[in-house]
Protein backbone atom coordinates (compact mmCIF):
# COMPACT_ATOMS: atom_id res chain seq x y z
CA UNK A 1 216.47 250.05 118.18
CA UNK A 2 218.88 251.77 120.15
CA UNK A 3 222.62 250.35 121.32
CA UNK A 4 223.37 250.14 125.31
CA UNK A 5 226.98 250.30 126.47
CA UNK A 6 227.95 249.74 130.28
CA UNK A 7 231.22 250.11 131.27
CA UNK A 8 232.73 249.41 134.75
CA UNK A 9 236.09 251.90 135.16
CA UNK A 10 238.23 251.12 138.40
CA UNK A 11 241.89 250.30 139.53
CA UNK A 12 243.90 247.83 137.61
CA UNK A 13 242.60 244.20 137.90
CA UNK A 14 244.50 241.45 138.46
CA UNK A 15 245.43 239.72 135.13
CA UNK A 16 244.35 236.30 136.07
CA UNK A 17 240.78 237.13 136.89
CA UNK A 18 240.22 239.64 133.39
CA UNK A 19 238.79 237.14 131.16
CA UNK A 20 236.72 234.92 133.65
CA UNK A 21 235.00 238.34 134.91
CA UNK A 22 234.52 239.80 131.14
CA UNK A 23 232.91 236.80 130.37
CA UNK A 24 230.47 236.28 133.60
CA UNK A 25 229.42 240.43 133.43
CA UNK A 26 228.56 239.36 129.29
CA UNK A 27 226.50 236.28 130.35
CA UNK A 28 225.04 238.51 133.00
CA UNK A 29 224.00 241.11 130.77
CA UNK A 30 222.75 238.45 127.87
CA UNK A 31 220.46 236.86 130.61
CA UNK A 32 219.44 240.32 132.14
CA UNK A 33 218.08 241.72 128.37
CA UNK A 34 216.29 238.58 127.62
CA UNK A 35 214.35 238.31 130.93
CA UNK A 36 213.50 241.20 130.74
CA UNK A 37 212.40 241.13 127.22
CA UNK A 38 214.93 243.15 126.03
CA UNK A 39 216.78 241.05 124.05
CA UNK A 40 219.57 242.20 121.39
CA UNK A 41 219.03 242.33 118.23
CA UNK A 42 222.73 241.90 117.28
CA UNK A 43 225.42 240.55 119.10
CA UNK A 44 226.60 241.44 122.78
CA UNK A 45 230.39 241.92 122.52
CA UNK A 46 232.93 242.55 125.76
CA UNK A 47 235.82 245.31 125.98
CA UNK A 48 238.02 244.64 128.31
CA UNK A 49 241.55 245.98 129.76
CA UNK A 50 243.49 246.22 133.14
CA UNK A 51 241.22 249.26 133.92
CA UNK A 52 237.87 248.52 132.55
CA UNK A 53 234.76 245.75 131.70
CA UNK A 54 232.29 247.19 129.07
CA UNK A 55 229.34 245.15 127.53
CA UNK A 56 228.02 246.48 124.10
CA UNK A 57 224.90 245.35 123.15
CA UNK A 58 223.60 246.18 119.43
CA UNK A 59 219.95 247.18 119.06
CA UNK A 60 218.11 246.79 122.13
CA UNK A 61 214.50 248.05 122.55
CA UNK A 62 213.67 251.13 124.11
CA UNK A 63 210.72 249.45 126.57
CA UNK A 64 209.96 245.88 127.26
CA UNK A 65 206.87 244.89 124.92
CA UNK A 66 203.43 244.97 126.53
CA UNK A 67 202.29 241.17 127.87
CA UNK A 68 199.29 239.65 127.99
CA UNK A 69 199.00 237.59 130.57
CA UNK A 70 195.85 235.00 131.83
CA UNK A 71 195.28 235.12 135.48
CA UNK A 72 192.94 232.42 137.16
CA UNK A 73 190.66 233.45 140.05
CA UNK A 74 187.96 231.66 142.18
CA UNK A 75 186.17 228.44 141.10
CA UNK A 76 182.92 229.09 139.28
CA UNK A 77 180.78 227.62 142.00
CA UNK A 78 182.05 229.75 144.38
CA UNK A 79 182.08 233.39 141.96
CA UNK A 80 178.60 233.15 140.91
CA UNK A 81 175.39 232.00 142.97
CA UNK A 82 171.85 231.91 141.20
CA UNK A 83 172.99 233.51 137.85
CA UNK A 84 174.78 236.51 139.92
CA UNK A 85 178.38 237.03 140.98
CA UNK A 86 179.29 237.23 144.25
CA UNK A 87 181.55 239.11 146.45
CA UNK A 88 184.51 236.53 145.42
CA UNK A 89 184.35 237.83 141.97
CA UNK A 90 183.97 241.28 142.31
CA UNK A 91 186.86 240.89 144.24
CA UNK A 92 188.63 239.05 142.01
CA UNK A 93 187.85 241.53 138.99
CA UNK A 94 189.00 244.47 140.89
CA UNK A 95 192.37 242.92 141.67
CA UNK A 96 192.50 242.14 138.15
CA UNK A 97 191.54 245.48 137.05
CA UNK A 98 188.59 244.35 134.76
CA UNK A 99 184.80 244.90 135.00
CA UNK A 100 183.02 241.86 136.04
CA UNK A 101 181.32 241.04 132.89
CA UNK A 102 184.63 240.75 131.12
CA UNK A 103 185.71 237.67 133.29
CA UNK A 104 185.69 234.48 131.65
CA UNK A 105 185.28 231.06 132.60
CA UNK A 106 187.91 228.38 132.15
CA UNK A 107 188.00 224.73 132.45
CA UNK A 108 191.35 223.21 134.45
CA UNK A 109 191.89 219.67 135.62
CA UNK A 110 190.05 220.63 138.82
CA UNK A 111 186.92 221.84 137.53
CA UNK A 112 185.81 225.60 136.08
CA UNK A 113 187.30 228.65 137.36
CA UNK A 114 187.07 232.17 136.68
CA UNK A 115 190.05 233.83 134.74
CA UNK A 116 191.24 237.78 133.40
CA UNK A 117 193.43 238.78 131.20
CA UNK A 118 195.67 241.10 131.86
CA UNK A 119 197.57 243.49 129.66
CA UNK A 120 201.14 244.09 131.96
CA UNK A 121 202.27 247.83 130.14
CA UNK A 122 206.01 247.40 129.40
CA UNK A 123 208.68 249.68 131.51
CA UNK A 124 211.15 251.59 129.36
CA UNK A 125 214.24 250.04 129.05
CA UNK A 126 216.35 253.13 131.09
CA UNK A 127 213.74 252.28 133.84
CA UNK A 128 214.71 248.69 134.22
CA UNK A 129 218.53 248.61 133.71
CA UNK A 130 219.19 251.64 136.07
CA UNK A 131 217.23 249.21 138.73
CA UNK A 132 218.75 245.69 137.75
CA UNK A 133 222.20 246.56 136.42
CA UNK A 134 223.95 247.34 139.57
CA UNK A 135 222.68 244.07 141.14
CA UNK A 136 224.63 242.20 138.15
CA UNK A 137 227.47 244.33 138.87
CA UNK A 138 227.71 243.50 142.43
CA UNK A 139 227.21 239.78 141.68
CA UNK A 140 230.24 239.28 139.18
CA UNK A 141 232.37 236.23 140.71
CA UNK A 142 235.71 237.13 141.57
CA UNK A 143 238.31 234.90 143.54
CA UNK A 144 239.01 238.01 145.87
CA UNK A 145 236.26 240.55 146.14
CA UNK A 146 236.63 244.03 148.48
CA UNK A 147 234.41 246.81 149.45
CA UNK A 148 234.72 250.35 150.48
CA UNK A 149 231.39 252.58 150.97
CA UNK A 150 229.02 249.98 151.45
CA UNK A 151 229.48 246.44 152.28
CA UNK A 152 226.60 245.27 150.48
CA UNK A 153 228.35 246.45 147.35
CA UNK A 154 231.71 244.83 146.30
CA UNK A 155 234.20 244.58 143.54
CA UNK A 156 237.63 243.20 142.69
CA UNK A 157 239.11 246.96 142.89
CA UNK A 158 237.91 250.19 143.67
CA UNK A 159 235.21 251.52 140.90
CA UNK A 160 236.24 254.94 139.40
CA UNK A 161 233.84 255.64 136.94
CA UNK A 162 230.45 254.01 135.54
CA UNK A 163 229.37 255.08 131.51
CA UNK A 164 225.74 253.94 130.90
CA UNK A 165 224.46 254.50 127.75
CA UNK A 166 221.42 253.73 125.45
CA UNK A 167 222.61 255.40 122.30
CA UNK A 168 223.22 258.91 123.92
CA UNK A 169 220.49 258.75 126.74
CA UNK A 170 222.74 258.10 130.12
CA UNK A 171 220.83 255.11 132.42
CA UNK A 172 220.93 256.68 135.79
CA UNK A 173 222.24 253.97 137.66
CA UNK A 174 224.92 253.92 140.81
CA UNK A 175 227.07 251.15 142.19
CA UNK A 176 229.20 251.81 145.03
CA UNK A 177 228.56 255.15 145.61
CA UNK A 178 229.44 256.18 141.99
CA UNK A 179 227.05 257.40 139.76
CA UNK A 180 226.84 256.71 135.77
CA UNK A 181 227.42 259.46 133.08
CA UNK A 182 228.76 259.51 129.68
CA UNK A 183 232.84 260.48 130.93
CA UNK A 184 235.21 257.80 130.60
CA UNK A 185 238.83 257.41 130.90
CA UNK A 186 241.71 256.49 128.53
CA UNK A 187 245.47 255.43 129.24
CA UNK A 188 246.78 256.10 132.51
CA UNK A 189 250.00 257.91 130.77
CA UNK A 190 249.63 258.53 127.15
CA UNK A 191 245.91 259.85 127.68
CA UNK A 192 245.09 262.99 129.90
CA UNK A 193 241.47 264.17 131.27
CA UNK A 194 238.11 262.37 131.03
CA UNK A 195 237.13 260.83 127.65
CA UNK A 196 233.32 262.15 126.78
CA UNK A 197 231.56 258.82 125.21
CA UNK A 198 229.32 260.76 122.33
CA UNK A 199 226.93 257.47 122.25
CA UNK A 200 226.96 253.63 122.52
CA UNK A 201 228.10 251.70 119.71
CA UNK A 202 230.95 252.02 117.29
CA UNK A 203 232.14 255.40 118.61
CA UNK A 204 232.61 254.02 122.02
CA UNK A 205 235.33 251.73 120.43
CA UNK A 206 236.81 255.18 118.15
CA UNK A 207 236.79 257.45 121.54
CA UNK A 208 238.68 255.05 123.40
CA UNK A 209 241.41 254.02 120.49
CA UNK A 210 242.06 257.86 120.62
CA UNK A 211 242.52 257.72 124.00
CA UNK A 212 245.20 255.06 123.73
CA UNK A 213 243.05 252.58 124.74
CA UNK A 214 242.97 249.37 122.19
CA UNK A 215 240.32 245.99 122.09
CA UNK A 216 241.97 242.84 123.18
CA UNK A 217 242.79 241.39 119.61
CA UNK A 218 244.21 244.78 118.56
CA UNK A 219 246.78 244.33 121.73
CA UNK A 220 247.46 241.23 120.74
CA UNK A 221 248.11 241.93 117.24
CA UNK A 222 250.46 244.82 118.22
CA UNK A 223 252.14 242.71 121.17
CA UNK A 224 252.88 239.96 118.46
CA UNK A 225 253.83 242.46 115.64
CA UNK A 226 256.05 244.32 118.54
CA UNK A 227 258.19 241.22 119.00
CA UNK A 228 258.52 240.26 115.81
CA UNK A 229 260.37 244.07 115.16
CA UNK A 230 262.35 243.73 118.48
CA UNK A 231 263.45 240.28 117.73
CA UNK A 232 264.73 241.17 114.12
CA UNK A 233 267.50 242.99 115.63
CA UNK A 234 269.20 239.49 116.56
CA UNK A 235 269.96 238.30 113.21
CA UNK A 236 268.99 234.61 113.19
CA UNK A 237 266.63 235.16 116.30
CA UNK A 238 263.34 234.29 116.98
CA UNK A 239 261.17 234.81 120.23
CA UNK A 240 259.92 231.88 121.97
CA UNK A 241 256.14 231.52 121.66
CA UNK A 242 253.97 231.18 124.60
CA UNK A 243 250.33 231.80 124.53
CA UNK A 244 249.61 231.50 128.27
CA UNK A 245 252.52 234.58 128.25
CA UNK A 246 250.98 236.21 125.33
CA UNK A 247 247.13 236.30 127.06
CA UNK A 248 248.80 237.65 130.52
CA UNK A 249 250.51 240.36 129.22
CA UNK A 250 247.32 241.27 126.82
CA UNK A 251 245.57 241.62 130.26
CA UNK A 252 248.26 243.76 131.95
CA UNK A 253 247.72 246.37 129.01
CA UNK A 254 246.37 248.65 127.16
CA UNK A 255 248.67 250.14 124.65
CA UNK A 256 251.72 248.09 124.44
CA UNK A 257 254.60 248.00 123.04
CA UNK A 258 258.10 245.72 123.28
CA UNK A 259 261.93 246.28 123.91
CA UNK A 260 264.80 243.91 123.74
CA UNK A 261 267.04 243.29 126.71
CA UNK A 262 270.45 241.49 127.42
CA UNK A 263 271.83 239.54 130.20
CA UNK A 264 274.93 238.03 131.15
CA UNK A 265 276.12 235.17 128.97
CA UNK A 266 278.04 233.83 132.10
CA UNK A 267 274.24 232.75 132.90
CA UNK A 268 273.44 230.68 129.88
CA UNK A 269 275.70 227.84 132.55
CA UNK A 270 272.49 227.44 134.26
CA UNK A 271 269.76 224.90 133.10
CA UNK A 272 266.74 226.22 130.60
CA UNK A 273 264.23 226.03 132.71
CA UNK A 274 265.68 228.03 135.29
CA UNK A 275 266.34 231.13 133.11
CA UNK A 276 262.82 230.55 131.14
CA UNK A 277 261.16 230.15 134.90
CA UNK A 278 262.56 233.25 135.95
CA UNK A 279 261.93 235.34 133.08
CA UNK A 280 258.58 234.15 132.09
CA UNK A 281 256.73 233.67 135.54
CA UNK A 282 258.54 235.96 137.70
CA UNK A 283 258.68 239.16 135.27
CA UNK A 284 256.58 238.16 132.24
CA UNK A 285 259.52 238.22 129.86
CA UNK A 286 259.77 236.36 127.08
CA UNK A 287 262.36 233.72 125.90
CA UNK A 288 264.86 234.74 123.07
CA UNK A 289 265.85 231.49 121.23
CA UNK A 290 268.26 230.65 118.12
CA UNK A 291 266.65 228.87 115.10
CA UNK A 292 268.20 225.73 116.62
CA UNK A 293 266.05 226.18 119.83
CA UNK A 294 268.98 227.17 122.36
CA UNK A 295 268.66 230.25 124.58
CA UNK A 296 270.23 233.17 123.96
CA UNK A 297 271.22 235.67 125.92
CA UNK A 298 267.99 237.98 125.73
CA UNK A 299 264.79 238.70 126.66
CA UNK A 300 261.90 240.90 125.30
CA UNK A 301 259.56 242.53 127.64
CA UNK A 302 256.23 244.10 126.98
CA UNK A 303 255.66 247.94 128.39
CA UNK A 304 252.33 249.60 128.69
CA UNK A 305 253.43 252.75 126.59
CA UNK A 306 254.30 253.43 123.50
CA UNK A 307 257.90 252.82 123.90
CA UNK A 308 261.47 253.24 125.77
CA UNK A 309 263.48 255.71 123.07
CA UNK A 310 266.12 256.71 125.88
CA UNK A 311 266.97 252.89 127.04
CA UNK A 312 265.76 253.91 130.67
CA UNK A 313 263.46 250.84 130.98
CA UNK A 314 265.60 248.68 129.49
CA UNK A 315 268.16 249.67 131.68
CA UNK A 316 266.07 248.82 134.86
CA UNK A 317 264.59 245.52 133.60
CA UNK A 318 267.83 244.05 132.71
CA UNK A 319 269.10 245.00 136.56
CA UNK A 320 266.10 243.17 137.97
CA UNK A 321 266.73 240.19 135.40
CA UNK A 322 270.41 240.21 136.71
CA UNK A 323 269.42 240.19 140.53
CA UNK A 324 267.12 237.19 139.86
CA UNK A 325 269.43 235.50 138.17
CA UNK A 326 272.14 235.54 140.68
CA UNK A 327 269.67 234.16 143.14
CA UNK A 328 268.72 231.66 141.01
CA UNK A 329 272.39 230.72 140.36
CA UNK A 330 273.41 230.73 143.99
CA UNK A 331 269.93 228.53 144.40
CA UNK A 332 271.02 225.89 142.02
CA UNK A 333 274.96 226.07 142.92
CA UNK A 334 273.86 225.63 146.69
CA UNK A 335 271.83 222.51 145.52
CA UNK A 336 274.74 220.96 143.70
CA UNK A 337 276.44 220.88 147.06
CA UNK A 338 274.19 217.36 148.06
CA UNK A 339 273.43 214.62 145.91
CA UNK A 340 269.65 213.84 144.97
CA UNK A 341 269.06 210.82 146.71
CA UNK A 342 270.77 212.44 150.03
CA UNK A 343 267.90 214.44 150.14
CA UNK A 344 265.23 211.74 150.51
CA UNK A 345 265.97 211.53 154.44
CA UNK A 346 265.22 214.64 154.81
CA UNK A 347 261.27 214.69 153.62
CA UNK A 348 260.93 213.03 156.90
CA UNK A 349 260.06 216.60 157.97
CA UNK A 350 257.62 217.93 155.11
CA UNK A 351 254.35 216.56 155.94
CA UNK A 352 252.26 214.99 153.32
CA UNK A 353 249.03 214.71 154.83
CA UNK A 354 248.38 214.62 158.56
CA UNK A 355 246.77 211.22 158.43
CA UNK A 356 249.00 209.90 156.21
CA UNK A 357 252.42 210.38 157.54
CA UNK A 358 255.49 212.79 155.63
CA UNK A 359 256.45 212.56 152.43
CA UNK A 360 259.19 210.16 153.01
CA UNK A 361 256.68 207.52 154.35
CA UNK A 362 255.03 208.52 151.06
CA UNK A 363 257.89 207.89 149.06
CA UNK A 364 258.67 204.67 151.32
CA UNK A 365 255.11 203.39 149.71
CA UNK A 366 255.84 204.82 145.75
CA UNK A 367 259.11 202.33 146.23
CA UNK A 368 257.12 199.22 147.42
CA UNK A 369 254.86 199.73 144.63
CA UNK A 370 257.28 199.73 141.96
CA UNK A 371 259.43 197.33 143.26
CA UNK A 372 256.07 194.86 143.07
CA UNK A 373 255.03 195.98 139.51
CA UNK A 374 259.07 195.07 138.17
CA UNK A 375 258.59 191.55 139.50
CA UNK A 376 255.14 191.13 138.22
CA UNK A 377 256.33 192.69 134.69
CA UNK A 378 259.98 190.69 135.32
CA UNK A 379 261.93 193.83 133.64
CA UNK A 380 264.33 196.20 134.37
CA UNK A 381 263.95 198.65 137.34
CA UNK A 382 264.55 202.12 136.26
CA UNK A 383 261.21 203.18 138.18
CA UNK A 384 262.44 201.86 141.06
CA UNK A 385 265.97 203.58 141.10
CA UNK A 386 263.81 206.65 140.38
CA UNK A 387 261.02 206.12 142.53
CA UNK A 388 262.93 206.98 145.63
CA UNK A 389 264.14 210.26 143.96
CA UNK A 390 260.58 211.85 142.40
CA UNK A 391 259.22 214.00 145.33
CA UNK A 392 262.98 214.80 146.99
CA UNK A 393 263.50 218.06 144.99
CA UNK A 394 260.91 219.48 147.32
CA UNK A 395 264.17 220.18 149.33
CA UNK A 396 265.94 221.93 147.42
CA UNK A 397 266.33 225.33 147.30
CA UNK A 398 265.54 225.90 143.52
CA UNK A 399 262.46 224.64 144.31
CA UNK A 400 261.36 228.12 145.77
CA UNK A 401 262.00 229.74 142.15
CA UNK A 402 258.76 227.65 140.85
CA UNK A 403 256.51 225.17 142.82
CA UNK A 404 255.29 223.85 139.81
CA UNK A 405 258.16 223.04 137.99
CA UNK A 406 259.85 221.53 140.79
CA UNK A 407 259.96 218.35 139.15
CA UNK A 408 261.24 219.54 135.98
CA UNK A 409 264.01 221.10 137.95
CA UNK A 410 264.64 217.65 140.02
CA UNK A 411 265.19 215.90 136.40
CA UNK A 412 267.86 218.26 135.61
CA UNK A 413 269.57 217.63 139.35
CA UNK A 414 269.19 214.08 138.69
CA UNK A 415 270.87 214.25 135.17
CA UNK A 416 273.68 216.59 137.16
CA UNK A 417 274.07 214.08 139.46
CA UNK A 418 274.29 211.30 136.56
CA UNK A 419 271.42 209.40 138.02
CA UNK A 420 269.05 207.82 135.29
CA UNK A 421 266.44 209.85 134.28
CA UNK A 422 264.99 207.93 131.54
CA UNK A 423 261.54 207.08 133.96
CA UNK A 424 261.67 210.73 135.77
CA UNK A 425 258.14 211.42 134.26
CA UNK A 426 256.15 208.33 133.84
């Protein structure tokens, strides 16, 4: 049985959307093959990169198997009169494509009816797939969709090429004005010209690998290996493990490598949360730390190319990070001019919810609840002293670095103000 390949080539897909879309496409193809009696003999695998979503199904039938169905017609007392078939029986036989003498009587809860066995001849797999695959491609869920040529056909980015093969045979499907063929594309920089896919199956993976496009597992392995090699240039250092960031850079690259960069030691005076937020969330850099866990003035950047022998890319990354850290230092130093508790009153201008008032009013409600809890427990009240500070860091400048880390940065500010912080995360 032949192997089936579908590859959708497009402009770079946002990294955060690739995993869900690849899973969605694989499940849709799996359900389509089962629904159309073309189930794969082997596993259905997916291959994705920033510029492509692909599905490989091993061993699907060349054509749908023939199916015999029993179709129920008119009741027996209507179909026959005085033992002879009536016009109703003849009409049913003609519709079923059989002679009236081949009709059968079946007993149902409603009585005796005529029935006929119809054999539906299976359609070729290429015909079924060319008809139904465009609908499945169009149905892939994306947080944001776009359309170009046909408003009825949408995708996350402009579709540039399609590969659809049943072994060596091209499946004649079309989506968004692009007709499928056997020509793919390799790495945008490291490979030139189209990449001919000789057939579906392992030769597809080999052709992409030759064109500097690695599979997801290979990219992650290569990234981790490159990060380890770059970090060994600094004695006693290690890169900070971050699985979420690894997954992100895997989805940003097709043939990854890594470089080691540095920044001025004076920036280490900033809180670690500030530095890591800038490197991780804004620049997709990995932090470098000593064996003790202390942050070092270095970073690791993952590239979508073979390397940076002349150091030009490294120099550019260092310039960008220097500017980012300078902004962060300005925000942090500006925040130090006002104690955190002083900012509580500023929350009067920040709406919590239109029917529930401002964040200041919410803070007062939290203080009231904390005081009531302390009275019931008859204990100390660190929560009541900190509860007035738990939201006020929304009015800090460093909050603009990353909204999700506002509480952590607020904790650092409270510590800088020598406030009690033992209950900050409770």
